[in-house]
Amino acid sequence: MADGSQLKQEQLQSELDDLRQELENFQKERERIRTIVGSIGGMPKTQAHLINVLFIVIVVASVLVSILGGKDWQLPMIELATVTLSIKIIYLIHSQMRVAHFVFWILSSLEWRINEIMRQLREIRKPVDDK
Protein backbone atom coordinates (compact mmCIF):
# COMPACT_ATOMS: atom_id res chain seq x y z
CA MET A 1 0.00 0.00 0.00
CA ALA A 2 2.88 2.33 0.75
CA ASP A 3 4.35 1.46 -2.64
CA GLY A 4 1.07 2.42 -4.34
CA SER A 5 1.00 5.75 -2.54
CA GLN A 6 4.67 6.31 -3.32
CA LEU A 7 4.04 5.45 -6.98
CA LYS A 8 1.11 7.87 -7.20
CA GLN A 9 3.16 10.65 -5.65
CA GLU A 10 6.02 10.01 -8.07
CA GLN A 11 3.57 10.01 -10.96
CA LEU A 12 2.01 13.22 -9.69
CA GLN A 13 5.43 14.80 -9.26
CA SER A 14 6.34 13.73 -12.79
CA GLU A 15 3.16 15.31 -14.15
CA LEU A 16 3.83 18.50 -12.22
CA ASP A 17 7.37 18.61 -13.60
CA ASP A 18 5.97 18.14 -17.09
CA LEU A 19 3.53 20.97 -16.50
CA ARG A 20 6.30 23.22 -15.23
CA GLN A 21 8.34 22.44 -18.32
CA GLU A 22 5.33 23.12 -20.51
CA LEU A 23 4.72 26.40 -18.70
CA GLU A 24 8.34 27.43 -19.26
CA ASN A 25 8.00 26.57 -22.95
CA PHE A 26 4.80 28.58 -23.07
CA GLN A 27 6.52 31.59 -21.53
CA LYS A 28 9.34 31.35 -24.07
CA GLU A 29 6.77 31.14 -26.85
CA ARG A 30 4.92 34.12 -25.40
CA GLU A 31 8.11 36.19 -25.45
CA ARG A 32 8.72 35.16 -29.05
CA ILE A 33 5.19 36.23 -29.96
CA ARG A 34 5.68 39.55 -28.17
CA THR A 35 8.75 40.10 -30.29
CA ILE A 36 6.79 39.34 -33.45
CA VAL A 37 3.92 41.61 -32.47
CA GLY A 38 6.40 44.33 -31.51
CA SER A 39 8.06 44.07 -34.90
CA ILE A 40 4.75 44.78 -36.62
CA GLY A 41 4.58 48.19 -35.02
CA GLY A 42 8.29 48.79 -35.53
CA MET A 43 10.13 50.77 -38.16
CA PRO A 44 8.37 51.12 -41.52
CA LYS A 45 9.89 49.31 -44.45
CA THR A 46 11.37 50.95 -47.53
CA GLN A 47 8.18 50.38 -49.50
CA ALA A 48 6.15 52.22 -46.85
CA HIS A 49 8.66 55.08 -46.94
CA LEU A 50 8.35 55.33 -50.71
CA ILE A 51 4.56 55.33 -50.56
CA ASN A 52 4.58 58.02 -47.88
CA VAL A 53 7.02 60.18 -49.85
CA LEU A 54 4.91 59.75 -52.99
CA PHE A 55 1.75 60.85 -51.18
CA ILE A 56 3.52 63.84 -49.63
CA VAL A 57 4.97 64.92 -52.98
CA ILE A 58 1.59 64.66 -54.71
CA VAL A 59 -0.21 66.62 -51.99
CA VAL A 60 2.45 69.33 -51.73
CA ALA A 61 2.70 69.67 -55.52
CA SER A 62 -1.08 69.85 -55.82
CA VAL A 63 -1.32 72.56 -53.18
CA LEU A 64 1.53 74.57 -54.71
CA VAL A 65 0.09 74.33 -58.22
CA SER A 66 -3.36 75.31 -56.93
CA ILE A 67 -1.87 78.38 -55.24
CA LEU A 68 0.51 79.41 -58.02
CA GLY A 69 -1.30 78.07 -61.08
CA GLY A 70 -4.21 80.43 -61.22
CA LYS A 71 -7.93 79.81 -61.32
CA ASP A 72 -7.79 77.18 -64.07
CA TRP A 73 -5.61 74.84 -61.99
CA GLN A 74 -6.93 75.63 -58.54
CA LEU A 75 -9.97 73.33 -58.35
CA PRO A 76 -8.43 70.27 -60.11
CA MET A 77 -5.32 70.42 -57.89
CA ILE A 78 -7.36 70.75 -54.69
CA GLU A 79 -9.43 67.78 -55.82
CA LEU A 80 -6.27 65.80 -56.58
CA ALA A 81 -4.90 66.59 -53.11
CA THR A 82 -8.22 65.56 -51.54
CA VAL A 83 -8.33 62.29 -53.46
CA THR A 84 -4.71 61.55 -52.58
CA LEU A 85 -5.36 62.15 -48.89
CA SER A 86 -8.47 59.97 -49.06
CA ILE A 87 -6.47 57.14 -50.62
CA LYS A 88 -3.84 57.50 -47.90
CA ILE A 89 -6.49 57.33 -45.18
CA ILE A 90 -7.98 54.20 -46.76
CA TYR A 91 -4.50 52.66 -46.93
CA LEU A 92 -3.88 53.44 -43.24
CA ILE A 93 -7.22 51.92 -42.24
CA HIS A 94 -6.39 48.80 -44.26
CA SER A 95 -2.96 48.50 -42.62
CA GLN A 96 -4.44 48.96 -39.16
CA MET A 97 -7.04 46.27 -39.83
CA ARG A 98 -4.29 43.83 -40.85
CA VAL A 99 -2.39 44.51 -37.63
CA ALA A 100 -5.56 44.20 -35.54
CA HIS A 101 -6.40 40.88 -37.19
CA PHE A 102 -2.91 39.53 -36.51
CA VAL A 103 -2.99 40.65 -32.87
CA PHE A 104 -6.45 39.11 -32.45
CA TRP A 105 -5.21 35.83 -33.90
CA ILE A 106 -2.22 35.78 -31.55
CA LEU A 107 -4.32 36.63 -28.50
CA SER A 108 -6.88 33.97 -29.41
CA SER A 109 -4.11 31.40 -29.72
CA LEU A 110 -2.71 32.40 -26.35
CA GLU A 111 -6.12 32.21 -24.72
CA TRP A 112 -6.74 28.76 -26.17
CA ARG A 113 -3.36 27.55 -24.92
CA ILE A 114 -3.88 29.01 -21.43
CA ASN A 115 -7.30 27.36 -21.19
CA GLU A 116 -5.79 24.04 -22.23
CA ILE A 117 -3.07 24.30 -19.58
CA MET A 118 -5.61 25.28 -16.93
CA ARG A 119 -7.73 22.25 -17.82
CA GLN A 120 -4.71 19.98 -17.48
CA LEU A 121 -3.80 21.58 -14.17
CA ARG A 122 -7.34 21.03 -12.84
CA GLU A 123 -7.17 17.38 -13.90
CA ILE A 124 -3.90 16.95 -12.04
CA ARG A 125 -5.09 18.76 -8.92
CA LYS A 126 -8.37 16.86 -8.75
CA PRO A 127 -6.82 13.55 -7.58
CA VAL A 128 -4.62 15.43 -5.10
CA ASP A 129 -7.55 17.36 -3.64
CA ASP A 130 -9.64 14.19 -3.31
CA LYS A 131 -7.13 12.70 -0.87
Foldseek 3Di string as FASTA:
>chain_A
DVVVVVVLVVVLVVVVVVLVVVVVVLVVVVVVVVVVLVVLPDDDDPVVVVLVVVLVVLLVVLCVCLVPVPDVSNVVSVVSNVVSVVVVVVVVVVSVVVSVVVVVVVVVVSVVVVVVSVVSVCVSVVVVVVD
